C-alpha atoms as a PDB file:
ATOM      1  CA  UNK A   1       0.000   0.000   0.000  1.00  0.00           C
ATOM      2  CA  UNK A   2       1.318   3.415  -0.952  1.00  0.00           C
ATOM      3  CA  UNK A   3       1.996   5.828   1.878  1.00  0.00           C
ATOM      4  CA  UNK A   4       0.133   9.116   1.965  1.00  0.00           C
ATOM      5  CA  UNK A   5       2.231  12.247   2.233  1.00  0.00           C
ATOM      6  CA  UNK A   6       1.947  14.134   5.490  1.00  0.00           C
ATOM      7  CA  UNK A   7      -0.010  17.374   5.247  1.00  0.00           C
ATOM      8  CA  UNK A   8       2.298  20.260   4.514  1.00  0.00           C
ATOM      9  CA  UNK A   9       5.085  18.109   3.084  1.00  0.00           C
ATOM     10  CA  UNK A  10       5.035  19.942  -0.252  1.00  0.00           C
ATOM     11  CA  UNK A  11       5.325  23.326   1.478  1.00  0.00           C
ATOM     12  CA  UNK A  12       8.106  22.064   3.760  1.00  0.00           C
ATOM     13  CA  UNK A  13      10.089  20.768   0.786  1.00  0.00           C
ATOM     14  CA  UNK A  14       9.523  24.001  -1.123  1.00  0.00           C
ATOM     15  CA  UNK A  15      10.578  26.179   1.841  1.00  0.00           C
ATOM     16  CA  UNK A  16      13.702  24.104   2.375  1.00  0.00           C
ATOM     17  CA  UNK A  17      14.647  24.094  -1.301  1.00  0.00           C
ATOM     18  CA  UNK A  18      13.903  27.809  -1.593  1.00  0.00           C
ATOM     19  CA  UNK A  19      16.194  28.601   1.317  1.00  0.00           C
ATOM     20  CA  UNK A  20      18.966  26.488  -0.200  1.00  0.00           C
ATOM     21  CA  UNK A  21      18.504  27.964  -3.693  1.00  0.00           C
ATOM     22  CA  UNK A  22      18.523  31.513  -2.359  1.00  0.00           C
ATOM     23  CA  UNK A  23      21.579  31.038  -0.123  1.00  0.00           C
ATOM     24  CA  UNK A  24      23.704  28.871  -2.412  1.00  0.00           C
ATOM     25  CA  UNK A  25      22.339  29.296  -5.935  1.00  0.00           C
ATOM     26  CA  UNK A  26      20.216  26.935  -7.974  1.00  0.00           C
ATOM     27  CA  UNK A  27      23.138  25.326  -9.785  1.00  0.00           C
ATOM     28  CA  UNK A  28      24.919  24.446  -6.507  1.00  0.00           C
ATOM     29  CA  UNK A  29      21.917  22.701  -4.937  1.00  0.00           C
ATOM     30  CA  UNK A  30      21.090  19.224  -6.155  1.00  0.00           C
ATOM     31  CA  UNK A  31      17.961  17.259  -5.458  1.00  0.00           C
ATOM     32  CA  UNK A  32      19.815  14.964  -3.013  1.00  0.00           C
ATOM     33  CA  UNK A  33      20.764  17.998  -0.947  1.00  0.00           C
ATOM     34  CA  UNK A  34      17.105  19.087  -0.878  1.00  0.00           C
ATOM     35  CA  UNK A  35      16.049  15.571   0.173  1.00  0.00           C
ATOM     36  CA  UNK A  36      18.597  15.560   2.993  1.00  0.00           C
ATOM     37  CA  UNK A  37      17.800  19.076   4.222  1.00  0.00           C
ATOM     38  CA  UNK A  38      14.028  18.564   4.012  1.00  0.00           C
ATOM     39  CA  UNK A  39      14.230  15.173   5.704  1.00  0.00           C
ATOM     40  CA  UNK A  40      12.051  13.577   3.079  1.00  0.00           C
ATOM     41  CA  UNK A  41      12.314  10.578   0.827  1.00  0.00           C
ATOM     42  CA  UNK A  42      13.209  10.733  -2.830  1.00  0.00           C
ATOM     43  CA  UNK A  43       9.769   9.453  -3.827  1.00  0.00           C
ATOM     44  CA  UNK A  44       8.022  12.179  -1.846  1.00  0.00           C
ATOM     45  CA  UNK A  45      10.133  14.913  -3.406  1.00  0.00           C
ATOM     46  CA  UNK A  46       9.549  13.631  -6.917  1.00  0.00           C
ATOM     47  CA  UNK A  47       5.829  13.134  -6.246  1.00  0.00           C
ATOM     48  CA  UNK A  48       5.495  16.848  -5.559  1.00  0.00           C
ATOM     49  CA  UNK A  49       8.190  18.061  -7.955  1.00  0.00           C
ATOM     50  CA  UNK A  50       8.869  15.644 -10.843  1.00  0.00           C
ATOM     51  CA  UNK A  51      12.032  17.520 -11.858  1.00  0.00           C
ATOM     52  CA  UNK A  52      14.434  20.116 -10.540  1.00  0.00           C
ATOM     53  CA  UNK A  53      12.961  22.590 -13.035  1.00  0.00           C
ATOM     54  CA  UNK A  54       9.529  22.020 -11.483  1.00  0.00           C
ATOM     55  CA  UNK A  55      10.969  22.673  -8.022  1.00  0.00           C
ATOM     56  CA  UNK A  56      12.860  25.789  -9.138  1.00  0.00           C
ATOM     57  CA  UNK A  57       9.802  27.170 -10.946  1.00  0.00           C
ATOM     58  CA  UNK A  58       7.705  26.600  -7.812  1.00  0.00           C
ATOM     59  CA  UNK A  59      10.376  28.368  -5.724  1.00  0.00           C
ATOM     60  CA  UNK A  60      10.365  31.369  -8.070  1.00  0.00           C
ATOM     61  CA  UNK A  61       6.542  31.477  -8.116  1.00  0.00           C
ATOM     62  CA  UNK A  62       6.619  31.463  -4.287  1.00  0.00           C
ATOM     63  CA  UNK A  63       9.150  34.327  -4.336  1.00  0.00           C
ATOM     64  CA  UNK A  64       6.843  36.241  -6.650  1.00  0.00           C
ATOM     65  CA  UNK A  65       3.847  35.660  -4.395  1.00  0.00           C
ATOM     66  CA  UNK A  66       5.791  37.083  -1.446  1.00  0.00           C
ATOM     67  CA  UNK A  67       7.006  40.085  -3.495  1.00  0.00           C
ATOM     68  CA  UNK A  68       3.490  40.763  -4.808  1.00  0.00           C
ATOM     69  CA  UNK A  69       2.030  40.518  -1.300  1.00  0.00           C
ATOM     70  CA  UNK A  70       4.703  42.795   0.185  1.00  0.00           C
ATOM     71  CA  UNK A  71       4.316  45.314  -2.635  1.00  0.00           C
ATOM     72  CA  UNK A  72       0.546  45.401  -2.269  1.00  0.00           C
ATOM     73  CA  UNK A  73       0.839  45.871   1.492  1.00  0.00           C
ATOM     74  CA  UNK A  74       3.422  48.647   1.134  1.00  0.00           C
ATOM     75  CA  UNK A  75       1.192  50.576  -1.260  1.00  0.00           C
ATOM     76  CA  UNK A  76      -2.259  49.645   0.044  1.00  0.00           C
ATOM     77  CA  UNK A  77      -3.105  53.075   1.438  1.00  0.00           C
ATOM     78  CA  UNK A  78      -2.022  55.053  -1.636  1.00  0.00           C
ATOM     79  CA  UNK A  79      -5.006  54.457  -3.895  1.00  0.00           C
ATOM     80  CA  UNK A  80      -4.752  54.510  -7.677  1.00  0.00           C
ATOM     81  CA  UNK A  81      -5.156  58.234  -8.282  1.00  0.00           C
ATOM     82  CA  UNK A  82      -1.546  59.315  -7.608  1.00  0.00           C
ATOM     83  CA  UNK A  83       0.888  57.545  -9.943  1.00  0.00           C
ATOM     84  CA  UNK A  84       3.858  59.588  -8.689  1.00  0.00           C
ATOM     85  CA  UNK A  85       3.207  58.474  -5.101  1.00  0.00           C
ATOM     86  CA  UNK A  86       2.871  54.867  -6.293  1.00  0.00           C
ATOM     87  CA  UNK A  87       6.211  55.108  -8.143  1.00  0.00           C
ATOM     88  CA  UNK A  88       7.901  56.501  -5.043  1.00  0.00           C
ATOM     89  CA  UNK A  89       6.354  53.750  -2.917  1.00  0.00           C
ATOM     90  CA  UNK A  90       7.412  51.047  -5.379  1.00  0.00           C
ATOM     91  CA  UNK A  91      11.036  52.177  -5.355  1.00  0.00           C
ATOM     92  CA  UNK A  92      10.974  52.690  -1.571  1.00  0.00           C
ATOM     93  CA  UNK A  93       9.597  49.182  -1.062  1.00  0.00           C
ATOM     94  CA  UNK A  94      12.284  47.666  -3.302  1.00  0.00           C
ATOM     95  CA  UNK A  95      14.973  49.731  -1.584  1.00  0.00           C
ATOM     96  CA  UNK A  96      13.755  48.633   1.849  1.00  0.00           C
ATOM     97  CA  UNK A  97      13.781  44.980   0.826  1.00  0.00           C
ATOM     98  CA  UNK A  98      17.427  45.194  -0.249  1.00  0.00           C
ATOM     99  CA  UNK A  99      18.576  46.432   3.157  1.00  0.00           C
ATOM    100  CA  UNK A 100      17.294  43.388   5.071  1.00  0.00           C
ATOM    101  CA  UNK A 101      20.161  41.518   6.772  1.00  0.00           C
ATOM    102  CA  UNK A 102      19.267  38.279   4.950  1.00  0.00           C
ATOM    103  CA  UNK A 103      19.024  39.885   1.506  1.00  0.00           C
ATOM    104  CA  UNK A 104      21.550  38.506  -0.943  1.00  0.00           C
ATOM    105  CA  UNK A 105      19.904  39.550  -4.203  1.00  0.00           C
ATOM    106  CA  UNK A 106      16.759  39.411  -6.270  1.00  0.00           C
ATOM    107  CA  UNK A 107      15.867  35.733  -6.730  1.00  0.00           C
ATOM    108  CA  UNK A 108      14.717  36.356 -10.300  1.00  0.00           C
ATOM    109  CA  UNK A 109      17.828  38.235 -11.353  1.00  0.00           C
ATOM    110  CA  UNK A 110      20.060  35.693  -9.618  1.00  0.00           C
ATOM    111  CA  UNK A 111      18.392  32.828 -11.476  1.00  0.00           C
ATOM    112  CA  UNK A 112      18.769  34.562 -14.840  1.00  0.00           C
ATOM    113  CA  UNK A 113      22.411  35.339 -14.048  1.00  0.00           C
ATOM    114  CA  UNK A 114      23.048  31.652 -13.322  1.00  0.00           C
ATOM    115  CA  UNK A 115      21.124  30.484 -16.400  1.00  0.00           C
ATOM    116  CA  UNK A 116      21.144  33.317 -18.957  1.00  0.00           C
ATOM    117  CA  UNK A 117      20.286  31.051 -21.896  1.00  0.00           C
ATOM    118  CA  UNK A 118      17.532  29.088 -20.142  1.00  0.00           C
ATOM    119  CA  UNK A 119      14.157  29.080 -21.877  1.00  0.00           C
ATOM    120  CA  UNK A 120      12.446  26.665 -19.467  1.00  0.00           C
ATOM    121  CA  UNK A 121       9.704  27.324 -16.957  1.00  0.00           C
ATOM    122  CA  UNK A 122      11.952  28.790 -14.223  1.00  0.00           C
ATOM    123  CA  UNK A 123      13.359  31.348 -16.673  1.00  0.00           C
ATOM    124  CA  UNK A 124       9.859  32.185 -17.864  1.00  0.00           C
ATOM    125  CA  UNK A 125       8.734  32.812 -14.276  1.00  0.00           C
ATOM    126  CA  UNK A 126      11.780  35.049 -13.663  1.00  0.00           C
ATOM    127  CA  UNK A 127      11.424  36.956 -16.952  1.00  0.00           C
ATOM    128  CA  UNK A 128       7.691  37.407 -16.438  1.00  0.00           C
ATOM    129  CA  UNK A 129       8.305  38.936 -13.023  1.00  0.00           C
ATOM    130  CA  UNK A 130      10.844  41.395 -14.439  1.00  0.00           C
ATOM    131  CA  UNK A 131       8.595  42.182 -17.411  1.00  0.00           C
ATOM    132  CA  UNK A 132       5.601  42.799 -15.146  1.00  0.00           C
ATOM    133  CA  UNK A 133       7.573  45.000 -12.764  1.00  0.00           C
ATOM    134  CA  UNK A 134       8.854  47.064 -15.684  1.00  0.00           C
ATOM    135  CA  UNK A 135       5.314  47.244 -17.106  1.00  0.00           C
ATOM    136  CA  UNK A 136       4.071  48.546 -13.756  1.00  0.00           C
ATOM    137  CA  UNK A 137       6.631  51.351 -13.911  1.00  0.00           C
ATOM    138  CA  UNK A 138       5.744  52.070 -17.546  1.00  0.00           C
ATOM    139  CA  UNK A 139       2.014  52.181 -16.717  1.00  0.00           C
ATOM    140  CA  UNK A 140       2.490  54.509 -13.765  1.00  0.00           C
ATOM    141  CA  UNK A 141       4.752  56.861 -15.732  1.00  0.00           C
ATOM    142  CA  UNK A 142       2.265  56.851 -18.638  1.00  0.00           C
ATOM    143  CA  UNK A 143      -0.369  58.208 -16.235  1.00  0.00           C
ATOM    144  CA  UNK A 144       1.832  61.227 -15.457  1.00  0.00           C
ATOM    145  CA  UNK A 145       1.751  64.353 -17.569  1.00  0.00           C
ATOM    146  CA  UNK A 146       5.387  64.224 -18.736  1.00  0.00           C
ATOM    147  CA  UNK A 147       7.018  65.133 -22.033  1.00  0.00           C
ATOM    148  CA  UNK A 148       8.920  61.864 -22.490  1.00  0.00           C
ATOM    149  CA  UNK A 149       7.372  59.021 -20.476  1.00  0.00           C
ATOM    150  CA  UNK A 150       9.630  56.401 -22.064  1.00  0.00           C
ATOM    151  CA  UNK A 151      12.772  58.189 -20.940  1.00  0.00           C
ATOM    152  CA  UNK A 152      11.450  58.703 -17.409  1.00  0.00           C
ATOM    153  CA  UNK A 153      10.434  55.035 -17.140  1.00  0.00           C
ATOM    154  CA  UNK A 154      13.891  53.981 -18.407  1.00  0.00           C
ATOM    155  CA  UNK A 155      15.559  56.128 -15.759  1.00  0.00           C
ATOM    156  CA  UNK A 156      13.400  54.806 -12.937  1.00  0.00           C
ATOM    157  CA  UNK A 157      14.004  51.226 -14.111  1.00  0.00           C
ATOM    158  CA  UNK A 158      17.741  51.914 -14.146  1.00  0.00           C
ATOM    159  CA  UNK A 159      17.492  53.164 -10.560  1.00  0.00           C
ATOM    160  CA  UNK A 160      15.667  49.952  -9.562  1.00  0.00           C
ATOM    161  CA  UNK A 161      18.388  47.883 -11.225  1.00  0.00           C
ATOM    162  CA  UNK A 162      21.010  49.960  -9.399  1.00  0.00           C
ATOM    163  CA  UNK A 163      19.321  49.354  -6.051  1.00  0.00           C
ATOM    164  CA  UNK A 164      19.531  45.606  -6.608  1.00  0.00           C
ATOM    165  CA  UNK A 165      23.124  45.829  -7.845  1.00  0.00           C
ATOM    166  CA  UNK A 166      24.243  47.864  -4.833  1.00  0.00           C
ATOM    167  CA  UNK A 167      22.552  45.615  -2.274  1.00  0.00           C
ATOM    168  CA  UNK A 168      25.768  43.661  -1.638  1.00  0.00           C
ATOM    169  CA  UNK A 169      27.656  46.794  -0.651  1.00  0.00           C
ATOM    170  CA  UNK A 170      28.246  47.552   3.002  1.00  0.00           C
ATOM    171  CA  UNK A 171      26.575  50.931   2.486  1.00  0.00           C
ATOM    172  CA  UNK A 172      23.464  49.507   0.788  1.00  0.00           C
ATOM    173  CA  UNK A 173      21.175  51.525   3.069  1.00  0.00           C
ATOM    174  CA  UNK A 174      22.850  54.714   1.860  1.00  0.00           C
ATOM    175  CA  UNK A 175      22.490  53.608  -1.766  1.00  0.00           C
ATOM    176  CA  UNK A 176      18.827  52.734  -1.205  1.00  0.00           C
ATOM    177  CA  UNK A 177      18.119  56.139   0.315  1.00  0.00           C
ATOM    178  CA  UNK A 178      19.911  57.795  -2.606  1.00  0.00           C
ATOM    179  CA  UNK A 179      17.764  55.819  -5.054  1.00  0.00           C
ATOM    180  CA  UNK A 180      14.586  57.094  -3.428  1.00  0.00           C
ATOM    181  CA  UNK A 181      15.902  60.667  -3.579  1.00  0.00           C
ATOM    182  CA  UNK A 182      16.820  60.189  -7.259  1.00  0.00           C
ATOM    183  CA  UNK A 183      13.281  59.090  -8.082  1.00  0.00           C
ATOM    184  CA  UNK A 184      11.915  62.075  -6.135  1.00  0.00           C
ATOM    185  CA  UNK A 185      14.230  64.376  -8.106  1.00  0.00           C
ATOM    186  CA  UNK A 186      13.233  62.826 -11.441  1.00  0.00           C
ATOM    187  CA  UNK A 187       9.560  63.123 -10.657  1.00  0.00           C
ATOM    188  CA  UNK A 188       9.916  66.687  -9.403  1.00  0.00           C
ATOM    189  CA  UNK A 189      11.720  67.685 -12.599  1.00  0.00           C
ATOM    190  CA  UNK A 190       9.371  65.824 -14.949  1.00  0.00           C
ATOM    191  CA  UNK A 191       5.937  66.371 -13.471  1.00  0.00           C
ATOM    192  CA  UNK A 192       4.496  69.866 -13.813  1.00  0.00           C
ATOM    193  CA  UNK A 193       3.164  71.347 -10.597  1.00  0.00           C
END
């Protein structure tokens, strides 16, 4: 008779694998290491995640769910009628996330750095997240009355990329604060009062 998986086993495996992937990189973590760290059998792991790609894609989807939840919470009280305030809040939320003591990088960017040529499901999840975040910036900038919305969106996106790139520095909090001020300066210069 086949054994029935304990409730929560999928989530436990995913949390364990996600922690390992985030701390050590996807390439460095094999399925045997996940099995050992999660304290599960090989059959249980492969029942929930038939391949490493399935496990990595689930990890990245879980990262996205957390990011989406945190972003929504950080901007919940802003309403939709002030795109400049929403842009500031978006950059501030990203900047705040990069100053956490356990932050070692954006999971999506790290995956694409490890596997730049990947076209599989994990890469699609990562690219979709980046595309959607950029689209959010583009949409908010498009709602502003600015002469060149494309250029402003490009500049804000570059600031976001810079925040992530500077997160490993010892002065990441200073860089994050500077990024928020840069966005404020860009918006002040671009948006007529």
